[in-house]
Amino acid sequence: MPKATAAIVGSGNIGADLLYELLRSEVVEPRHMVGVDPAGEGPRRAADLGLAVSHEGTDWLPARPRLPDLVFETTSLHVRNAPKYKAIIILNPAEPPPTKGAGDFLPPYAGNLDIMTAAAVKVAEEIAGVRT
């Protein structure tokens, strides 16, 4: 079974941690990382791992020839960005999602990045499994 493709929007701490969680997934393959800091550590690591990386902001991803199956949104712009994607998983603990999303099913202590990103990967794997 082919892996579901994924993009990470936001290349800070949450996005970088999520990248390493996704690299261990047998179901979801990270292919893109979008941020705004061209000198950031997250984009550099993602590029070193072979992901397509942009610092041009969130309009870059929808302009790709093919959208990924899943988008992990780690920025506070998820309300504006959500309509651009096929499926979105919101991981911004500072902003409540506009609708029910992965963040609604995380425990109150999900400020711990390992817990939050691991839970998001499991949700993505469930979504990918349903779609195939």
N, C-alpha and C. Protein backbone atom coordinates (compact mmCIF):
# COMPACT_ATOMS: atom_id res chain seq x y z
N MET A 1 0.85 -1.18 0.00
CA MET A 1 0.00 0.00 0.00
C MET A 1 0.89 1.24 0.00
N PRO A 2 0.65 2.18 -0.91
CA PRO A 2 1.47 3.39 -0.93
C PRO A 2 1.16 4.27 0.28
N LYS A 3 2.18 4.97 0.73
CA LYS A 3 2.02 5.87 1.87
C LYS A 3 1.23 7.11 1.45
N ALA A 4 0.47 7.67 2.39
CA ALA A 4 -0.18 8.95 2.17
C ALA A 4 0.90 10.03 2.23
N THR A 5 0.83 10.99 1.35
CA THR A 5 1.80 12.08 1.34
C THR A 5 1.37 13.17 2.30
N ALA A 6 2.35 13.89 2.87
CA ALA A 6 2.03 14.91 3.86
C ALA A 6 2.92 16.13 3.71
N ALA A 7 2.38 17.25 4.14
CA ALA A 7 3.13 18.50 4.23
C ALA A 7 3.00 19.02 5.64
N ILE A 8 4.03 19.72 6.08
CA ILE A 8 4.02 20.38 7.37
C ILE A 8 4.08 21.87 7.13
N VAL A 9 3.06 22.58 7.58
CA VAL A 9 3.04 24.04 7.46
C VAL A 9 3.44 24.59 8.82
N GLY A 10 4.59 25.22 8.86
CA GLY A 10 5.16 25.72 10.10
C GLY A 10 6.42 24.94 10.39
N SER A 11 7.53 25.65 10.41
CA SER A 11 8.82 24.96 10.52
C SER A 11 9.52 25.20 11.86
N GLY A 12 8.74 25.62 12.86
CA GLY A 12 9.30 25.86 14.19
C GLY A 12 9.39 24.58 15.00
N ASN A 13 9.30 24.70 16.31
CA ASN A 13 9.47 23.54 17.20
C ASN A 13 8.46 22.44 16.92
N ILE A 14 7.19 22.79 16.78
CA ILE A 14 6.17 21.77 16.54
C ILE A 14 6.40 21.09 15.19
N GLY A 15 6.63 21.89 14.15
CA GLY A 15 6.85 21.32 12.82
C GLY A 15 8.08 20.44 12.75
N ALA A 16 9.17 20.86 13.40
CA ALA A 16 10.40 20.07 13.39
C ALA A 16 10.21 18.75 14.13
N ASP A 17 9.55 18.80 15.29
CA ASP A 17 9.29 17.57 16.04
C ASP A 17 8.38 16.64 15.24
N LEU A 18 7.37 17.20 14.64
CA LEU A 18 6.44 16.42 13.83
C LEU A 18 7.15 15.73 12.66
N LEU A 19 8.09 16.42 12.05
CA LEU A 19 8.84 15.84 10.94
C LEU A 19 9.48 14.52 11.36
N TYR A 20 10.13 14.52 12.51
CA TYR A 20 10.79 13.29 12.96
C TYR A 20 9.79 12.21 13.34
N GLU A 21 8.63 12.59 13.87
CA GLU A 21 7.57 11.61 14.15
C GLU A 21 7.09 10.98 12.84
N LEU A 22 6.88 11.80 11.82
CA LEU A 22 6.38 11.28 10.55
C LEU A 22 7.39 10.39 9.85
N LEU A 23 8.66 10.67 10.01
CA LEU A 23 9.68 9.84 9.37
C LEU A 23 9.63 8.40 9.88
N ARG A 24 9.08 8.18 11.05
CA ARG A 24 8.96 6.82 11.61
C ARG A 24 7.66 6.13 11.18
N SER A 25 6.75 6.86 10.56
CA SER A 25 5.45 6.30 10.20
C SER A 25 5.59 5.34 9.01
N GLU A 26 4.86 4.25 9.10
CA GLU A 26 4.79 3.30 7.98
C GLU A 26 3.66 3.63 7.03
N VAL A 27 2.86 4.65 7.35
CA VAL A 27 1.66 4.95 6.58
C VAL A 27 1.71 6.35 5.94
N VAL A 28 2.39 7.29 6.58
CA VAL A 28 2.42 8.68 6.11
C VAL A 28 3.85 9.08 5.80
N GLU A 29 4.05 9.69 4.62
CA GLU A 29 5.38 10.13 4.20
C GLU A 29 5.43 11.66 4.08
N PRO A 30 6.27 12.32 4.88
CA PRO A 30 6.40 13.77 4.75
C PRO A 30 7.14 14.11 3.45
N ARG A 31 6.58 15.06 2.70
CA ARG A 31 7.22 15.47 1.44
C ARG A 31 7.49 16.96 1.34
N HIS A 32 6.78 17.77 2.14
CA HIS A 32 6.93 19.22 2.06
C HIS A 32 7.02 19.84 3.45
N MET A 33 7.75 20.94 3.55
CA MET A 33 7.73 21.76 4.76
C MET A 33 7.68 23.21 4.32
N VAL A 34 6.73 23.94 4.90
CA VAL A 34 6.53 25.35 4.56
C VAL A 34 6.77 26.19 5.81
N GLY A 35 7.56 27.22 5.65
CA GLY A 35 7.81 28.14 6.76
C GLY A 35 7.99 29.56 6.22
N VAL A 36 8.52 30.42 7.05
CA VAL A 36 8.76 31.80 6.61
C VAL A 36 10.21 32.24 6.84
N ASP A 37 10.99 31.43 7.53
CA ASP A 37 12.37 31.78 7.84
C ASP A 37 13.33 30.95 7.00
N PRO A 38 13.94 31.56 5.96
CA PRO A 38 14.82 30.78 5.09
C PRO A 38 16.07 30.26 5.80
N ALA A 39 16.43 30.85 6.92
CA ALA A 39 17.62 30.42 7.65
C ALA A 39 17.28 29.53 8.84
N GLY A 40 16.02 29.15 8.97
CA GLY A 40 15.58 28.37 10.12
C GLY A 40 16.13 26.96 10.15
N GLU A 41 16.23 26.42 11.34
CA GLU A 41 16.73 25.06 11.55
C GLU A 41 15.78 24.01 10.97
N GLY A 42 14.47 24.20 11.16
CA GLY A 42 13.49 23.24 10.64
C GLY A 42 13.57 23.05 9.14
N PRO A 43 13.53 24.14 8.36
CA PRO A 43 13.64 23.98 6.90
C PRO A 43 14.97 23.36 6.46
N ARG A 44 16.05 23.70 7.15
CA ARG A 44 17.34 23.14 6.78
C ARG A 44 17.35 21.63 6.99
N ARG A 45 16.83 21.19 8.14
CA ARG A 45 16.78 19.76 8.41
C ARG A 45 15.88 19.04 7.41
N ALA A 46 14.72 19.64 7.12
CA ALA A 46 13.80 19.02 6.16
C ALA A 46 14.44 18.90 4.78
N ALA A 47 15.12 19.94 4.34
CA ALA A 47 15.79 19.90 3.04
C ALA A 47 16.88 18.83 3.03
N ASP A 48 17.62 18.73 4.13
CA ASP A 48 18.67 17.71 4.22
C ASP A 48 18.08 16.30 4.13
N LEU A 49 16.83 16.15 4.54
CA LEU A 49 16.16 14.85 4.49
C LEU A 49 15.44 14.61 3.16
N GLY A 50 15.54 15.57 2.23
CA GLY A 50 14.97 15.40 0.90
C GLY A 50 13.57 15.95 0.70
N LEU A 51 13.02 16.67 1.67
CA LEU A 51 11.70 17.26 1.51
C LEU A 51 11.79 18.51 0.64
N ALA A 52 10.74 18.80 -0.08
CA ALA A 52 10.62 20.09 -0.77
C ALA A 52 10.33 21.13 0.30
N VAL A 53 11.09 22.21 0.33
CA VAL A 53 11.00 23.20 1.38
C VAL A 53 10.81 24.58 0.78
N SER A 54 9.96 25.38 1.41
CA SER A 54 9.77 26.76 0.98
C SER A 54 9.69 27.68 2.19
N HIS A 55 10.21 28.87 2.04
CA HIS A 55 10.06 29.92 3.05
C HIS A 55 9.12 31.01 2.53
N GLU A 56 8.40 30.71 1.46
CA GLU A 56 7.51 31.69 0.81
C GLU A 56 6.14 31.76 1.45
N GLY A 57 5.91 31.06 2.52
CA GLY A 57 4.62 31.13 3.20
C GLY A 57 3.61 30.15 2.66
N THR A 58 2.40 30.26 3.15
CA THR A 58 1.38 29.24 2.92
C THR A 58 0.79 29.21 1.52
N ASP A 59 1.03 30.21 0.70
CA ASP A 59 0.51 30.17 -0.67
C ASP A 59 1.36 29.28 -1.58
N TRP A 60 2.55 28.92 -1.12
CA TRP A 60 3.45 28.08 -1.94
C TRP A 60 2.89 26.67 -2.12
N LEU A 61 2.39 26.08 -1.06
CA LEU A 61 1.95 24.68 -1.12
C LEU A 61 0.78 24.47 -2.10
N PRO A 62 -0.28 25.26 -2.04
CA PRO A 62 -1.38 25.04 -2.99
C PRO A 62 -0.98 25.27 -4.45
N ALA A 63 0.14 25.94 -4.67
CA ALA A 63 0.61 26.17 -6.04
C ALA A 63 1.40 24.99 -6.60
N ARG A 64 1.66 23.97 -5.78
CA ARG A 64 2.38 22.77 -6.25
C ARG A 64 1.50 22.04 -7.26
N PRO A 65 2.12 21.31 -8.18
CA PRO A 65 1.34 20.56 -9.17
C PRO A 65 0.36 19.56 -8.55
N ARG A 66 0.75 19.00 -7.38
CA ARG A 66 -0.13 18.04 -6.72
C ARG A 66 -0.10 18.30 -5.22
N LEU A 67 -1.27 18.48 -4.64
CA LEU A 67 -1.36 18.68 -3.20
C LEU A 67 -1.08 17.36 -2.47
N PRO A 68 -0.47 17.44 -1.30
CA PRO A 68 -0.31 16.22 -0.51
C PRO A 68 -1.67 15.74 0.00
N ASP A 69 -1.72 14.48 0.41
CA ASP A 69 -2.97 13.93 0.94
C ASP A 69 -3.36 14.58 2.26
N LEU A 70 -2.36 14.91 3.08
CA LEU A 70 -2.59 15.47 4.42
C LEU A 70 -1.72 16.69 4.62
N VAL A 71 -2.24 17.66 5.34
CA VAL A 71 -1.46 18.83 5.71
C VAL A 71 -1.53 18.99 7.22
N PHE A 72 -0.37 19.06 7.84
CA PHE A 72 -0.28 19.32 9.28
C PHE A 72 -0.03 20.81 9.44
N GLU A 73 -0.97 21.51 10.01
CA GLU A 73 -0.92 22.96 10.16
C GLU A 73 -0.49 23.30 11.58
N THR A 74 0.70 23.88 11.74
CA THR A 74 1.22 24.18 13.07
C THR A 74 1.28 25.69 13.33
N THR A 75 0.69 26.48 12.45
CA THR A 75 0.73 27.93 12.61
C THR A 75 -0.61 28.45 13.11
N SER A 76 -0.65 29.71 13.44
CA SER A 76 -1.91 30.33 13.87
C SER A 76 -2.77 30.75 12.68
N LEU A 77 -2.33 30.44 11.47
CA LEU A 77 -3.08 30.82 10.27
C LEU A 77 -4.02 29.73 9.78
N HIS A 78 -4.28 28.72 10.61
CA HIS A 78 -5.06 27.57 10.14
C HIS A 78 -6.47 27.94 9.67
N VAL A 79 -7.09 28.95 10.24
CA VAL A 79 -8.44 29.33 9.81
C VAL A 79 -8.40 29.81 8.37
N ARG A 80 -7.39 30.59 8.03
CA ARG A 80 -7.25 31.09 6.67
C ARG A 80 -6.78 30.00 5.71
N ASN A 81 -5.94 29.10 6.18
CA ASN A 81 -5.32 28.11 5.30
C ASN A 81 -6.17 26.87 5.06
N ALA A 82 -7.02 26.50 5.98
CA ALA A 82 -7.76 25.23 5.90
C ALA A 82 -8.46 25.00 4.56
N PRO A 83 -9.13 25.98 3.99
CA PRO A 83 -9.83 25.71 2.72
C PRO A 83 -8.91 25.38 1.55
N LYS A 84 -7.63 25.60 1.69
CA LYS A 84 -6.68 25.36 0.59
C LYS A 84 -6.31 23.90 0.43
N TYR A 85 -6.59 23.06 1.44
CA TYR A 85 -6.05 21.71 1.48
C TYR A 85 -7.13 20.64 1.40
N LYS A 86 -6.72 19.42 1.03
CA LYS A 86 -7.62 18.26 0.99
C LYS A 86 -8.04 17.85 2.40
N ALA A 87 -7.05 17.66 3.26
CA ALA A 87 -7.30 17.25 4.65
C ALA A 87 -6.28 17.96 5.53
N ILE A 88 -6.75 18.53 6.62
CA ILE A 88 -5.86 19.30 7.48
C ILE A 88 -5.95 18.79 8.91
N ILE A 89 -4.78 18.71 9.56
CA ILE A 89 -4.70 18.34 10.96
C ILE A 89 -4.05 19.52 11.67
N ILE A 90 -4.76 20.12 12.59
CA ILE A 90 -4.30 21.35 13.23
C ILE A 90 -3.56 21.03 14.52
N LEU A 91 -2.35 21.57 14.63
CA LEU A 91 -1.52 21.36 15.82
C LEU A 91 -1.06 22.70 16.36
N ASN A 92 -1.96 23.57 16.70
CA ASN A 92 -1.55 24.85 17.27
C ASN A 92 -2.20 24.98 18.63
N PRO A 93 -1.45 24.72 19.69
CA PRO A 93 -2.05 24.75 21.02
C PRO A 93 -2.50 26.13 21.46
N ALA A 94 -2.00 27.18 20.82
CA ALA A 94 -2.37 28.54 21.21
C ALA A 94 -3.68 28.99 20.59
N GLU A 95 -4.12 28.32 19.55
CA GLU A 95 -5.32 28.71 18.82
C GLU A 95 -6.31 27.56 18.79
N PRO A 96 -7.51 27.73 19.27
CA PRO A 96 -8.49 26.64 19.14
C PRO A 96 -8.91 26.47 17.68
N PRO A 97 -9.07 25.25 17.21
CA PRO A 97 -9.48 25.05 15.83
C PRO A 97 -10.90 25.56 15.61
N PRO A 98 -11.20 26.00 14.38
CA PRO A 98 -12.53 26.52 14.09
C PRO A 98 -13.60 25.43 14.09
N THR A 99 -13.20 24.20 13.88
CA THR A 99 -14.12 23.07 13.88
C THR A 99 -13.46 21.93 14.63
N LYS A 100 -14.15 20.83 14.76
CA LYS A 100 -13.55 19.66 15.41
C LYS A 100 -12.35 19.20 14.58
N GLY A 101 -11.23 19.00 15.22
CA GLY A 101 -10.03 18.55 14.55
C GLY A 101 -9.22 17.69 15.48
N ALA A 102 -8.03 17.32 15.05
CA ALA A 102 -7.18 16.44 15.85
C ALA A 102 -6.94 17.01 17.23
N GLY A 103 -6.79 18.33 17.34
CA GLY A 103 -6.53 18.96 18.63
C GLY A 103 -7.64 18.78 19.64
N ASP A 104 -8.85 18.53 19.18
CA ASP A 104 -9.98 18.35 20.10
C ASP A 104 -9.91 17.01 20.83
N PHE A 105 -9.11 16.10 20.35
CA PHE A 105 -9.03 14.78 20.93
C PHE A 105 -7.75 14.54 21.71
N LEU A 106 -6.96 15.60 21.90
CA LEU A 106 -5.73 15.48 22.66
C LEU A 106 -6.00 15.77 24.14
N PRO A 107 -5.23 15.17 25.01
CA PRO A 107 -5.42 15.42 26.45
C PRO A 107 -5.00 16.84 26.82
N PRO A 108 -5.44 17.34 27.98
CA PRO A 108 -5.13 18.71 28.39
C PRO A 108 -3.64 18.99 28.50
N TYR A 109 -2.83 17.98 28.75
CA TYR A 109 -1.39 18.18 28.89
C TYR A 109 -0.66 18.11 27.54
N ALA A 110 -1.36 18.24 26.43
CA ALA A 110 -0.76 18.08 25.11
C ALA A 110 0.19 19.20 24.71
N GLY A 111 0.49 20.09 25.63
CA GLY A 111 1.52 21.06 25.36
C GLY A 111 2.87 20.38 25.17
N ASN A 112 3.00 19.15 25.64
CA ASN A 112 4.20 18.37 25.42
C ASN A 112 4.25 18.00 23.94
N LEU A 113 5.27 18.47 23.21
CA LEU A 113 5.33 18.26 21.77
C LEU A 113 5.32 16.79 21.39
N ASP A 114 6.03 15.95 22.15
CA ASP A 114 6.07 14.53 21.81
C ASP A 114 4.68 13.92 21.82
N ILE A 115 3.89 14.27 22.82
CA ILE A 115 2.54 13.74 22.92
C ILE A 115 1.67 14.29 21.79
N MET A 116 1.76 15.59 21.58
CA MET A 116 0.91 16.23 20.57
C MET A 116 1.25 15.73 19.17
N THR A 117 2.52 15.71 18.80
CA THR A 117 2.87 15.29 17.45
C THR A 117 2.66 13.80 17.24
N ALA A 118 2.93 13.00 18.25
CA ALA A 118 2.68 11.56 18.12
C ALA A 118 1.19 11.29 17.93
N ALA A 119 0.35 12.02 18.65
CA ALA A 119 -1.09 11.86 18.48
C ALA A 119 -1.53 12.30 17.08
N ALA A 120 -0.95 13.36 16.58
CA ALA A 120 -1.30 13.83 15.23
C ALA A 120 -0.91 12.81 14.18
N VAL A 121 0.23 12.18 14.34
CA VAL A 121 0.65 11.15 13.39
C VAL A 121 -0.34 9.98 13.42
N LYS A 122 -0.77 9.58 14.60
CA LYS A 122 -1.74 8.47 14.70
C LYS A 122 -3.06 8.84 14.02
N VAL A 123 -3.51 10.08 14.21
CA VAL A 123 -4.74 10.52 13.54
C VAL A 123 -4.53 10.48 12.02
N ALA A 124 -3.39 10.95 11.56
CA ALA A 124 -3.11 10.94 10.12
C ALA A 124 -3.09 9.52 9.57
N GLU A 125 -2.50 8.60 10.33
CA GLU A 125 -2.46 7.21 9.87
C GLU A 125 -3.86 6.63 9.78
N GLU A 126 -4.72 7.00 10.71
CA GLU A 126 -6.12 6.54 10.65
C GLU A 126 -6.81 7.12 9.42
N ILE A 127 -6.61 8.40 9.17
CA ILE A 127 -7.22 9.04 7.99
C ILE A 127 -6.70 8.36 6.72
N ALA A 128 -5.40 8.15 6.64
CA ALA A 128 -4.80 7.51 5.46
C ALA A 128 -5.35 6.11 5.27
N GLY A 129 -5.54 5.37 6.35
CA GLY A 129 -6.07 4.02 6.26
C GLY A 129 -7.49 3.97 5.75
N VAL A 130 -8.28 4.96 6.12
CA VAL A 130 -9.67 5.03 5.66
C VAL A 130 -9.73 5.38 4.18
N ARG A 131 -8.82 6.19 3.70
CA ARG A 131 -8.82 6.65 2.32
C ARG A 131 -8.32 5.62 1.33
N THR A 132 -7.59 4.62 1.80
CA THR A 132 -7.00 3.66 0.85
C THR A 132 -7.89 2.44 0.69
